[in-house]
Amino acid sequence: MSRGSGICQAPFVVKVDVEGGELQVLEGAPAILREAELVLLEVSLFELVPDAPLLHEVVGWMHEHGFVVADVYNGHNRPLDGALAQLDMAFVQRDGRFRRNHAYATAEQADALYRTWGL
């Protein structure tokens, strides 16, 4: 927030963890989503909450709204059988500041890495 104004200024980081209602929250905040550089969401691989979107639906929705997956973290396995049930995902704007450089490494980093591979 900017000092004294009470108004948030872009760019935003948005974190939503509402047990299956993440896309409903984002649908209700299009202006915030347009200004967000990073969106953190908990997604499910099983319908743990009735009618909650699953991973493929969340990734598709985010892609339709200009975001791509940047990271996956904090996986949660279900006690029932140990299967991965939920995980947290970081989405960034497809053409935003975090995707300006698509290189894997600098030339020096790549050379050092390839030497460890014996190349």
Protein backbone atom coordinates (compact mmCIF):
# COMPACT_ATOMS: atom_id res chain seq x y z
CA MET A 1 0.00 0.00 0.00
CA SER A 2 1.17 3.47 -0.66
CA ARG A 3 1.68 5.52 2.46
CA GLY A 4 -1.37 7.30 3.71
CA SER A 5 -3.55 6.67 0.66
CA GLY A 6 -4.94 3.24 1.57
CA ILE A 7 -4.76 2.31 -2.12
CA CYS A 8 -2.65 -0.57 -3.36
CA GLN A 9 -0.39 0.17 -6.28
CA ALA A 10 0.58 -2.33 -8.97
CA PRO A 11 2.33 -4.62 -9.54
CA PHE A 12 0.61 -7.06 -7.22
CA VAL A 13 1.31 -10.48 -5.82
CA VAL A 14 -1.98 -12.28 -5.34
CA LYS A 15 -2.27 -15.31 -3.04
CA VAL A 16 -5.53 -17.20 -2.97
CA ASP A 17 -6.15 -20.31 -0.85
CA VAL A 18 -9.87 -20.77 -0.38
CA GLU A 19 -10.32 -24.54 -0.61
CA GLY A 20 -11.54 -24.84 -4.17
CA GLY A 21 -12.91 -21.33 -4.72
CA GLU A 22 -9.72 -19.81 -6.14
CA LEU A 23 -11.07 -19.23 -9.64
CA GLN A 24 -14.26 -17.67 -8.29
CA VAL A 25 -12.16 -15.21 -6.31
CA LEU A 26 -10.04 -14.36 -9.35
CA GLU A 27 -13.13 -13.99 -11.57
CA GLY A 28 -14.37 -11.38 -9.11
CA ALA A 29 -11.18 -9.34 -9.29
CA PRO A 30 -10.35 -8.79 -12.98
CA ALA A 31 -8.68 -5.40 -12.44
CA ILE A 32 -6.37 -6.80 -9.76
CA LEU A 33 -5.56 -9.82 -11.92
CA ARG A 34 -4.62 -7.58 -14.87
CA GLU A 35 -2.07 -5.78 -12.67
CA ALA A 36 -0.74 -8.89 -10.90
CA GLU A 37 2.74 -10.08 -11.80
CA LEU A 38 2.54 -13.19 -9.63
CA VAL A 39 -0.46 -15.30 -8.56
CA LEU A 40 -0.07 -18.06 -5.96
CA LEU A 41 -2.78 -20.72 -5.90
CA GLU A 42 -3.38 -24.01 -4.18
CA VAL A 43 -4.65 -26.54 -6.72
CA SER A 44 -6.03 -30.05 -6.41
CA LEU A 45 -5.53 -33.20 -8.40
CA PHE A 46 -8.65 -34.77 -6.86
CA GLU A 47 -12.09 -33.30 -6.28
CA LEU A 48 -11.55 -32.94 -2.55
CA VAL A 49 -14.20 -30.21 -2.43
CA PRO A 50 -17.31 -30.80 -4.57
CA ASP A 51 -17.19 -28.90 -7.88
CA ALA A 52 -13.76 -27.42 -7.13
CA PRO A 53 -11.59 -26.97 -10.24
CA LEU A 54 -8.80 -29.47 -10.76
CA LEU A 55 -5.21 -28.73 -11.74
CA HIS A 56 -5.78 -28.89 -15.51
CA GLU A 57 -8.77 -26.55 -15.24
CA VAL A 58 -6.86 -24.01 -13.16
CA VAL A 59 -3.87 -24.05 -15.52
CA GLY A 60 -6.22 -23.61 -18.49
CA TRP A 61 -8.14 -20.76 -16.86
CA MET A 62 -4.95 -18.98 -15.90
CA HIS A 63 -3.57 -19.40 -19.43
CA GLU A 64 -6.76 -17.91 -20.89
CA HIS A 65 -6.16 -14.91 -18.64
CA GLY A 66 -2.54 -14.38 -19.67
CA PHE A 67 -0.66 -16.41 -17.03
CA VAL A 68 1.67 -19.38 -17.23
CA VAL A 69 3.06 -21.74 -14.61
CA ALA A 70 6.34 -20.48 -13.17
CA ASP A 71 6.82 -22.84 -10.23
CA VAL A 72 5.28 -25.75 -8.34
CA TYR A 73 5.89 -26.15 -4.62
CA ASN A 74 4.51 -27.59 -1.35
CA GLY A 75 2.93 -30.80 -2.55
CA HIS A 76 0.46 -32.45 -0.17
CA ASN A 77 -0.17 -36.19 -0.28
CA ARG A 78 -3.47 -37.68 0.78
CA PRO A 79 -3.26 -40.09 3.73
CA LEU A 80 -5.60 -42.52 1.98
CA ASP A 81 -2.95 -43.82 -0.44
CA GLY A 82 -0.07 -41.36 -0.46
CA ALA A 83 -1.07 -39.92 -3.86
CA LEU A 84 -0.26 -36.29 -4.54
CA ALA A 85 -3.54 -34.52 -3.85
CA GLN A 86 -2.77 -30.80 -3.76
CA LEU A 87 0.10 -28.50 -4.54
CA ASP A 88 0.82 -24.82 -4.63
CA MET A 89 1.52 -23.20 -7.97
CA ALA A 90 3.03 -19.87 -8.90
CA PHE A 91 1.71 -18.25 -12.07
CA VAL A 92 3.28 -15.25 -13.78
CA GLN A 93 2.10 -13.05 -16.61
CA ARG A 94 2.90 -14.74 -19.91
CA ASP A 95 4.58 -11.58 -21.21
CA GLY A 96 5.51 -10.07 -17.85
CA ARG A 97 8.75 -9.14 -16.15
CA PHE A 98 9.47 -12.68 -14.94
CA ARG A 99 9.39 -14.08 -18.50
CA ARG A 100 11.53 -11.48 -20.25
CA ASN A 101 14.55 -13.77 -20.32
CA HIS A 102 14.02 -17.35 -21.46
CA ALA A 103 17.68 -18.35 -21.29
CA TYR A 104 18.62 -21.37 -19.21
CA ALA A 105 21.95 -20.02 -18.00
CA THR A 106 24.68 -17.52 -18.78
CA ALA A 107 27.45 -18.82 -21.04
CA GLU A 108 29.72 -19.19 -17.99
CA GLN A 109 27.06 -21.07 -15.99
CA ALA A 110 26.31 -23.40 -18.90
CA ASP A 111 30.01 -24.11 -19.42
CA ALA A 112 30.48 -24.96 -15.73
CA LEU A 113 27.39 -27.18 -15.75
CA TYR A 114 28.39 -29.01 -18.94
CA ARG A 115 31.87 -29.65 -17.51
CA THR A 116 30.24 -31.44 -14.53
CA TRP A 117 28.49 -33.65 -17.12
CA GLY A 118 31.81 -34.44 -18.78
CA LEU A 119 31.04 -32.44 -21.91
